[in-house]
Amino acid sequence: MYLPDARIKAGVLFASIGAGSDHLSATATQYACLRTACFAQMATPTLVVMSNKDHKLQLTSREADYFADPYFLSPGPKNLLALFGGKHILSDITGYDAAETTDENPERVATIQQLTLAYLQGRYFPMHQLCR
C-alpha cells in the first residue's frame, strides 16, 4: 500500500532493509515487510546510510550492498552515505537510552550525526533560499 505524506520533505534511512527477493533467509521470509520490500515508489529525497561491514546472515545471503537497495532501487533524489568499518547498529545508534551495540565508535556516531543533520538542514533550508 502506497500512502505518501506531503508534509515529509526529506528522510534519512539508517541501515534500512533491502529489497525482498529469493536472497532472503528462511527466517526473513516469515516477515511480510521483508519479503515485499520495494522502493519503486520512494520519491521523497532521502539520505541512505549504510556500512560496508553490515552483513546480516539472519536476513539475507547478500553482503552489505543489501542495505544500499533504497538508494539504487528508488526513483527519487537520493544520497548514499557509505561508512567504512561500521556494522548494522552504525557504531551505537540503537535508540534513546539504549546500552547495547555491536561496534562502539563515538567518532563514527558523531560523524553520522553531523552529516545527517547537514543533509536535513540542506533539504529544509537550501542555501539559495537563505541568500535572498
N, C-alpha and C. Protein backbone atom coordinates (compact mmCIF):
# COMPACT_ATOMS: atom_id res chain seq x y z
N MET A 1 0.84 -1.17 0.00
CA MET A 1 0.00 0.00 0.00
C MET A 1 0.89 1.24 0.00
N TYR A 2 0.58 2.19 -0.86
CA TYR A 2 1.36 3.40 -1.01
C TYR A 2 0.59 4.56 -0.41
N LEU A 3 1.10 5.14 0.67
CA LEU A 3 0.43 6.25 1.37
C LEU A 3 1.40 7.41 1.55
N PRO A 4 1.62 8.20 0.51
CA PRO A 4 2.57 9.32 0.64
C PRO A 4 2.02 10.40 1.57
N ASP A 5 2.93 11.14 2.20
CA ASP A 5 2.57 12.22 3.09
C ASP A 5 3.32 13.46 2.62
N ALA A 6 2.60 14.44 2.10
CA ALA A 6 3.21 15.63 1.52
C ALA A 6 3.97 16.47 2.54
N ARG A 7 3.73 16.27 3.82
CA ARG A 7 4.43 17.04 4.86
C ARG A 7 5.89 16.62 4.98
N ILE A 8 6.22 15.42 4.56
CA ILE A 8 7.59 14.92 4.67
C ILE A 8 8.36 15.37 3.44
N LYS A 9 9.36 16.21 3.68
CA LYS A 9 10.14 16.78 2.57
C LYS A 9 11.45 16.06 2.32
N ALA A 10 11.95 15.33 3.31
CA ALA A 10 13.20 14.60 3.18
C ALA A 10 13.26 13.56 4.28
N GLY A 11 14.08 12.53 4.05
CA GLY A 11 14.21 11.48 5.05
C GLY A 11 15.62 10.95 5.15
N VAL A 12 15.86 10.22 6.22
CA VAL A 12 17.14 9.54 6.43
C VAL A 12 16.83 8.10 6.78
N LEU A 13 17.42 7.16 6.08
CA LEU A 13 17.28 5.74 6.38
C LEU A 13 18.60 5.23 6.94
N PHE A 14 18.57 4.78 8.19
CA PHE A 14 19.76 4.22 8.82
C PHE A 14 19.72 2.70 8.72
N ALA A 15 20.68 2.11 8.03
CA ALA A 15 20.78 0.64 7.92
C ALA A 15 19.42 0.03 7.62
N SER A 16 18.78 0.55 6.61
CA SER A 16 17.44 0.11 6.21
C SER A 16 17.47 -1.32 5.67
N ILE A 17 16.30 -1.88 5.54
CA ILE A 17 16.20 -3.18 4.88
C ILE A 17 16.41 -2.99 3.39
N GLY A 18 16.74 -4.06 2.71
CA GLY A 18 16.87 -4.03 1.26
C GLY A 18 15.61 -4.59 0.62
N ALA A 19 15.66 -4.76 -0.67
CA ALA A 19 14.52 -5.28 -1.41
C ALA A 19 14.32 -6.76 -1.12
N GLY A 20 13.06 -7.16 -1.06
CA GLY A 20 12.75 -8.57 -0.87
C GLY A 20 12.99 -9.36 -2.15
N SER A 21 13.43 -10.60 -2.00
CA SER A 21 13.67 -11.46 -3.16
C SER A 21 14.08 -12.83 -2.66
N ASP A 22 14.58 -13.66 -3.57
CA ASP A 22 14.96 -15.03 -3.20
C ASP A 22 16.26 -15.10 -2.41
N HIS A 23 16.91 -13.97 -2.18
CA HIS A 23 18.14 -13.95 -1.38
C HIS A 23 17.85 -13.91 0.12
N LEU A 24 16.59 -13.74 0.50
CA LEU A 24 16.24 -13.67 1.93
C LEU A 24 16.36 -15.03 2.59
N SER A 25 16.70 -15.02 3.86
CA SER A 25 16.81 -16.26 4.62
C SER A 25 15.41 -16.78 4.93
N ALA A 26 15.33 -18.02 5.37
CA ALA A 26 14.05 -18.62 5.73
C ALA A 26 13.39 -17.84 6.86
N THR A 27 14.18 -17.37 7.81
CA THR A 27 13.65 -16.57 8.91
C THR A 27 13.08 -15.26 8.39
N ALA A 28 13.78 -14.59 7.51
CA ALA A 28 13.34 -13.29 6.99
C ALA A 28 12.05 -13.41 6.18
N THR A 29 11.88 -14.50 5.46
CA THR A 29 10.67 -14.63 4.63
C THR A 29 9.40 -14.79 5.46
N GLN A 30 9.54 -15.01 6.75
CA GLN A 30 8.37 -15.08 7.62
C GLN A 30 7.74 -13.71 7.84
N TYR A 31 8.49 -12.65 7.55
CA TYR A 31 8.02 -11.29 7.78
C TYR A 31 7.64 -10.63 6.46
N ALA A 32 6.38 -10.28 6.32
CA ALA A 32 5.89 -9.70 5.08
C ALA A 32 6.64 -8.43 4.70
N CYS A 33 7.00 -7.61 5.67
CA CYS A 33 7.69 -6.35 5.36
C CYS A 33 9.05 -6.60 4.71
N LEU A 34 9.71 -7.69 5.05
CA LEU A 34 10.99 -8.02 4.43
C LEU A 34 10.79 -8.68 3.08
N ARG A 35 9.79 -9.53 2.99
CA ARG A 35 9.50 -10.28 1.77
C ARG A 35 9.03 -9.36 0.64
N THR A 36 8.26 -8.33 0.98
CA THR A 36 7.65 -7.49 -0.05
C THR A 36 8.30 -6.11 -0.18
N ALA A 37 9.41 -5.89 0.50
CA ALA A 37 10.07 -4.58 0.44
C ALA A 37 10.39 -4.20 -1.00
N CYS A 38 9.99 -3.00 -1.37
CA CYS A 38 10.18 -2.49 -2.73
C CYS A 38 10.34 -0.98 -2.64
N PHE A 39 11.17 -0.42 -3.45
CA PHE A 39 11.44 1.02 -3.38
C PHE A 39 11.02 1.75 -4.65
N ALA A 40 10.21 1.12 -5.46
CA ALA A 40 9.83 1.68 -6.76
C ALA A 40 9.05 2.99 -6.66
N GLN A 41 8.40 3.26 -5.53
CA GLN A 41 7.62 4.48 -5.38
C GLN A 41 8.23 5.46 -4.38
N MET A 42 9.44 5.20 -3.95
CA MET A 42 10.08 6.05 -2.94
C MET A 42 10.65 7.28 -3.63
N ALA A 43 9.83 8.34 -3.71
CA ALA A 43 10.20 9.54 -4.45
C ALA A 43 10.72 10.67 -3.58
N THR A 44 10.54 10.59 -2.28
CA THR A 44 11.00 11.64 -1.36
C THR A 44 12.53 11.66 -1.31
N PRO A 45 13.12 12.85 -1.34
CA PRO A 45 14.59 12.93 -1.20
C PRO A 45 15.02 12.23 0.09
N THR A 46 16.04 11.40 -0.01
CA THR A 46 16.44 10.57 1.13
C THR A 46 17.94 10.39 1.17
N LEU A 47 18.47 10.42 2.39
CA LEU A 47 19.85 10.05 2.63
C LEU A 47 19.84 8.61 3.14
N VAL A 48 20.49 7.72 2.42
CA VAL A 48 20.57 6.31 2.80
C VAL A 48 21.93 6.10 3.47
N VAL A 49 21.91 5.66 4.73
CA VAL A 49 23.13 5.46 5.49
C VAL A 49 23.34 3.96 5.68
N MET A 50 24.49 3.47 5.26
CA MET A 50 24.81 2.05 5.39
C MET A 50 26.29 1.89 5.69
N SER A 51 26.68 0.69 6.04
CA SER A 51 28.08 0.43 6.38
C SER A 51 28.59 -0.79 5.62
N ASN A 52 29.85 -0.78 5.30
CA ASN A 52 30.41 -1.86 4.48
C ASN A 52 30.60 -3.16 5.25
N LYS A 53 30.51 -3.16 6.57
CA LYS A 53 30.65 -4.41 7.33
C LYS A 53 29.31 -4.89 7.88
N ASP A 54 28.23 -4.34 7.35
CA ASP A 54 26.90 -4.74 7.77
C ASP A 54 26.49 -5.96 6.95
N HIS A 55 26.46 -7.11 7.57
CA HIS A 55 26.06 -8.33 6.89
C HIS A 55 25.23 -9.16 7.86
N LYS A 56 23.97 -9.24 7.61
CA LYS A 56 23.05 -9.95 8.49
C LYS A 56 22.64 -11.28 7.86
N LEU A 57 23.36 -12.33 8.19
CA LEU A 57 23.04 -13.64 7.64
C LEU A 57 21.64 -14.10 8.01
N GLN A 58 21.12 -13.61 9.15
CA GLN A 58 19.77 -13.99 9.53
C GLN A 58 18.72 -13.33 8.63
N LEU A 59 19.13 -12.34 7.82
CA LEU A 59 18.20 -11.69 6.89
C LEU A 59 18.42 -12.11 5.44
N THR A 60 19.67 -12.10 5.02
CA THR A 60 19.94 -12.24 3.59
C THR A 60 21.29 -12.91 3.34
N SER A 61 21.41 -13.51 2.18
CA SER A 61 22.69 -14.08 1.78
C SER A 61 23.58 -13.03 1.11
N ARG A 62 23.01 -11.86 0.83
CA ARG A 62 23.79 -10.78 0.20
C ARG A 62 24.71 -10.11 1.20
N GLU A 63 25.68 -9.43 0.69
CA GLU A 63 26.63 -8.68 1.53
C GLU A 63 26.00 -7.32 1.91
N ALA A 64 26.83 -6.39 2.31
CA ALA A 64 26.37 -5.08 2.78
C ALA A 64 25.59 -4.30 1.73
N ASP A 65 25.78 -4.62 0.45
CA ASP A 65 25.06 -3.90 -0.60
C ASP A 65 23.54 -4.03 -0.45
N TYR A 66 23.06 -5.05 0.25
CA TYR A 66 21.63 -5.22 0.52
C TYR A 66 21.05 -3.95 1.17
N PHE A 67 21.81 -3.34 2.06
CA PHE A 67 21.33 -2.18 2.80
C PHE A 67 21.40 -0.89 1.97
N ALA A 68 21.97 -0.95 0.78
CA ALA A 68 22.01 0.20 -0.12
C ALA A 68 20.88 0.14 -1.14
N ASP A 69 20.05 -0.89 -1.13
CA ASP A 69 18.95 -1.02 -2.09
C ASP A 69 18.06 0.22 -2.17
N PRO A 70 17.70 0.86 -1.05
CA PRO A 70 16.85 2.05 -1.18
C PRO A 70 17.48 3.14 -2.05
N TYR A 71 18.78 3.22 -2.03
CA TYR A 71 19.49 4.20 -2.86
C TYR A 71 19.44 3.81 -4.34
N PHE A 72 19.74 2.56 -4.64
CA PHE A 72 19.84 2.13 -6.03
C PHE A 72 18.50 1.81 -6.69
N LEU A 73 17.50 1.46 -5.92
CA LEU A 73 16.24 0.97 -6.49
C LEU A 73 15.07 1.94 -6.39
N SER A 74 15.31 3.18 -6.00
CA SER A 74 14.22 4.14 -5.88
C SER A 74 14.38 5.24 -6.92
N PRO A 75 13.25 5.80 -7.38
CA PRO A 75 13.32 6.80 -8.45
C PRO A 75 13.64 8.21 -7.99
N GLY A 76 13.39 8.54 -6.74
CA GLY A 76 13.57 9.90 -6.26
C GLY A 76 15.03 10.28 -6.05
N PRO A 77 15.27 11.56 -5.75
CA PRO A 77 16.64 12.00 -5.50
C PRO A 77 17.17 11.40 -4.19
N LYS A 78 18.30 10.76 -4.27
CA LYS A 78 18.88 10.09 -3.10
C LYS A 78 20.35 10.43 -2.98
N ASN A 79 20.83 10.31 -1.77
CA ASN A 79 22.26 10.40 -1.48
C ASN A 79 22.61 9.17 -0.67
N LEU A 80 23.82 8.66 -0.87
CA LEU A 80 24.28 7.48 -0.16
C LEU A 80 25.47 7.86 0.72
N LEU A 81 25.35 7.55 2.00
CA LEU A 81 26.46 7.70 2.94
C LEU A 81 26.92 6.30 3.30
N ALA A 82 28.04 5.88 2.72
CA ALA A 82 28.59 4.55 2.96
C ALA A 82 29.73 4.67 3.95
N LEU A 83 29.53 4.11 5.13
CA LEU A 83 30.53 4.19 6.19
C LEU A 83 31.43 2.97 6.13
N PHE A 84 32.68 3.17 6.40
CA PHE A 84 33.63 2.07 6.37
C PHE A 84 33.98 1.65 7.79
N GLY A 85 33.81 0.36 8.06
CA GLY A 85 34.17 -0.19 9.35
C GLY A 85 33.02 -0.42 10.31
N GLY A 86 31.90 0.22 10.08
CA GLY A 86 30.77 0.07 10.99
C GLY A 86 29.95 -1.17 10.67
N LYS A 87 29.19 -1.61 11.64
CA LYS A 87 28.29 -2.74 11.45
C LYS A 87 26.86 -2.24 11.42
N HIS A 88 25.90 -3.13 11.64
CA HIS A 88 24.50 -2.78 11.45
C HIS A 88 24.00 -1.67 12.36
N ILE A 89 24.47 -1.60 13.58
CA ILE A 89 23.98 -0.58 14.50
C ILE A 89 24.73 0.74 14.29
N LEU A 90 25.58 0.80 13.30
CA LEU A 90 26.28 2.02 12.91
C LEU A 90 27.03 2.66 14.08
N SER A 91 27.71 1.85 14.85
CA SER A 91 28.57 2.30 15.94
C SER A 91 27.83 2.81 17.16
N ASP A 92 26.63 2.36 17.38
CA ASP A 92 25.91 2.61 18.62
C ASP A 92 24.62 3.40 18.43
N ILE A 93 24.09 3.47 17.24
CA ILE A 93 22.81 4.14 17.04
C ILE A 93 21.72 3.08 17.18
N THR A 94 21.24 2.91 18.41
CA THR A 94 20.23 1.89 18.66
C THR A 94 18.92 2.48 19.14
N GLY A 95 18.96 3.60 19.76
CA GLY A 95 17.74 4.21 20.28
C GLY A 95 18.03 4.98 21.54
N TYR A 96 17.07 5.74 21.95
CA TYR A 96 17.23 6.56 23.15
C TYR A 96 17.47 5.68 24.36
N ASP A 97 18.53 5.98 25.09
CA ASP A 97 18.85 5.33 26.35
C ASP A 97 19.21 3.84 26.21
N ALA A 98 19.55 3.40 25.01
CA ALA A 98 19.93 2.00 24.81
C ALA A 98 21.42 1.82 25.13
N ALA A 99 21.77 0.65 25.62
CA ALA A 99 23.16 0.39 26.02
C ALA A 99 23.87 -0.61 25.12
N GLU A 100 23.16 -1.40 24.34
CA GLU A 100 23.81 -2.44 23.53
C GLU A 100 24.35 -1.86 22.22
N THR A 101 25.41 -2.49 21.74
CA THR A 101 26.00 -2.09 20.47
C THR A 101 26.80 -3.26 19.91
N THR A 102 27.15 -3.18 18.65
CA THR A 102 27.98 -4.21 18.03
C THR A 102 29.35 -3.68 17.68
N ASP A 103 29.51 -2.37 17.62
CA ASP A 103 30.79 -1.79 17.22
C ASP A 103 30.91 -0.35 17.70
N GLU A 104 31.03 -0.18 18.99
CA GLU A 104 31.06 1.16 19.57
C GLU A 104 32.20 1.99 18.99
N ASN A 105 31.84 3.16 18.48
CA ASN A 105 32.81 4.08 17.90
C ASN A 105 32.22 5.49 17.99
N PRO A 106 32.50 6.23 19.06
CA PRO A 106 31.93 7.56 19.24
C PRO A 106 32.23 8.52 18.09
N GLU A 107 33.39 8.39 17.48
CA GLU A 107 33.74 9.27 16.37
C GLU A 107 32.82 9.01 15.16
N ARG A 108 32.53 7.75 14.89
CA ARG A 108 31.65 7.42 13.78
C ARG A 108 30.24 7.93 14.06
N VAL A 109 29.78 7.78 15.30
CA VAL A 109 28.45 8.28 15.67
C VAL A 109 28.38 9.80 15.48
N ALA A 110 29.42 10.51 15.91
CA ALA A 110 29.45 11.97 15.75
C ALA A 110 29.45 12.36 14.27
N THR A 111 30.19 11.62 13.46
CA THR A 111 30.22 11.88 12.01
C THR A 111 28.84 11.69 11.40
N ILE A 112 28.18 10.59 11.75
CA ILE A 112 26.83 10.32 11.24
C ILE A 112 25.88 11.43 11.68
N GLN A 113 25.97 11.84 12.93
CA GLN A 113 25.11 12.90 13.45
C GLN A 113 25.30 14.19 12.66
N GLN A 114 26.55 14.58 12.46
CA GLN A 114 26.84 15.83 11.76
C GLN A 114 26.41 15.78 10.30
N LEU A 115 26.68 14.67 9.63
CA LEU A 115 26.33 14.56 8.20
C LEU A 115 24.83 14.47 7.98
N THR A 116 24.13 13.73 8.83
CA THR A 116 22.67 13.64 8.65
C THR A 116 22.00 14.97 8.98
N LEU A 117 22.49 15.67 9.99
CA LEU A 117 21.94 16.99 10.31
C LEU A 117 22.18 17.96 9.16
N ALA A 118 23.38 17.95 8.60
CA ALA A 118 23.69 18.82 7.46
C ALA A 118 22.79 18.48 6.27
N TYR A 119 22.57 17.19 6.03
CA TYR A 119 21.70 16.78 4.92
C TYR A 119 20.28 17.34 5.11
N LEU A 120 19.72 17.13 6.30
CA LEU A 120 18.35 17.59 6.55
C LEU A 120 18.24 19.11 6.53
N GLN A 121 19.22 19.79 7.10
CA GLN A 121 19.20 21.25 7.05
C GLN A 121 19.29 21.75 5.61
N GLY A 122 20.10 21.09 4.80
CA GLY A 122 20.22 21.47 3.40
C GLY A 122 18.93 21.24 2.62
N ARG A 123 18.17 20.23 3.01
CA ARG A 123 16.90 19.95 2.34
C ARG A 123 15.80 20.91 2.78
N TYR A 124 15.81 21.27 4.05
CA TYR A 124 14.77 22.15 4.58
C TYR A 124 15.11 23.62 4.43
N PHE A 125 16.39 23.95 4.39
CA PHE A 125 16.82 25.33 4.29
C PHE A 125 17.91 25.45 3.23
N PRO A 126 17.55 25.26 1.95
CA PRO A 126 18.57 25.34 0.90
C PRO A 126 19.26 26.70 0.88
N MET A 127 20.52 26.71 0.54
CA MET A 127 21.32 27.95 0.55
C MET A 127 20.70 29.03 -0.33
N HIS A 128 20.12 28.67 -1.47
CA HIS A 128 19.56 29.70 -2.35
C HIS A 128 18.38 30.42 -1.70
N GLN A 129 17.70 29.77 -0.75
CA GLN A 129 16.61 30.43 -0.05
C GLN A 129 17.15 31.32 1.08
N LEU A 130 18.27 30.97 1.66
CA LEU A 130 18.84 31.74 2.75
C LEU A 130 19.51 33.02 2.26
N CYS A 131 19.92 33.05 1.00
CA CYS A 131 20.68 34.18 0.48
C CYS A 131 19.81 35.21 -0.22
N ARG A 132 18.53 35.17 -0.06
CA ARG A 132 17.64 36.13 -0.72
C ARG A 132 17.59 37.44 0.00
